[in-house]
Amino acid sequence: MLGSPAMAVSHIAAGTTVQLMVINEVTTKTAKVGDRFVVEVETPLSADGVVLIPKGTMGYGEVVTTSRNGIAGRSGKLTTKLLYLELAGVRIALVGTPANAGRGGNAQIAIATLGLTPYGLFAPGNNAKLKAGDVVTAALAADFIPQPHP
């Protein structure tokens, strides 16, 4: 019988982590729930020596919650989720939530503000943000098997 043996198709397993760089800053100063932001693959993903998801592959995240900064040094809070990568018209679902920007350090900010000025209770806190250039981690939600090109 003529024919070729079935070739094993390289794939990337669900749960594989991927490093993503934030392209546009997301801040509580301007972000609204539902706003999308752009990320791109920072480190390519390979299988069997073949790059399947190259560096620079674009992806998207979404703002889930946001609260602006307040008085007494209260920092803003920003919660986002990573949605998917897009490669050759195919969406690759992601799971992962970048660390909530603005978490941690709230007490230190309030104490420092109170100590520096007599108006410390009325001093605003910082806006929470994901800065352009920040690298965040996500994972593939399902196995990624590239589609053959005709």
Foldseek 3Di string as FASTA:
>chain_A
DDDDDDDDFWWAFFFDKFKKFWAAKDWLVDDDFFDKGKIWTCCFDDTPPHGPRDGGFMFMKTWHDWDPWFFLQREIWTWMFTAFTADPNDTFGKGDIFPIFPPPCSVVRSVVQVVPDVRSRGDTHYIGMDHGGDMGMITTRGMGGDDDDD
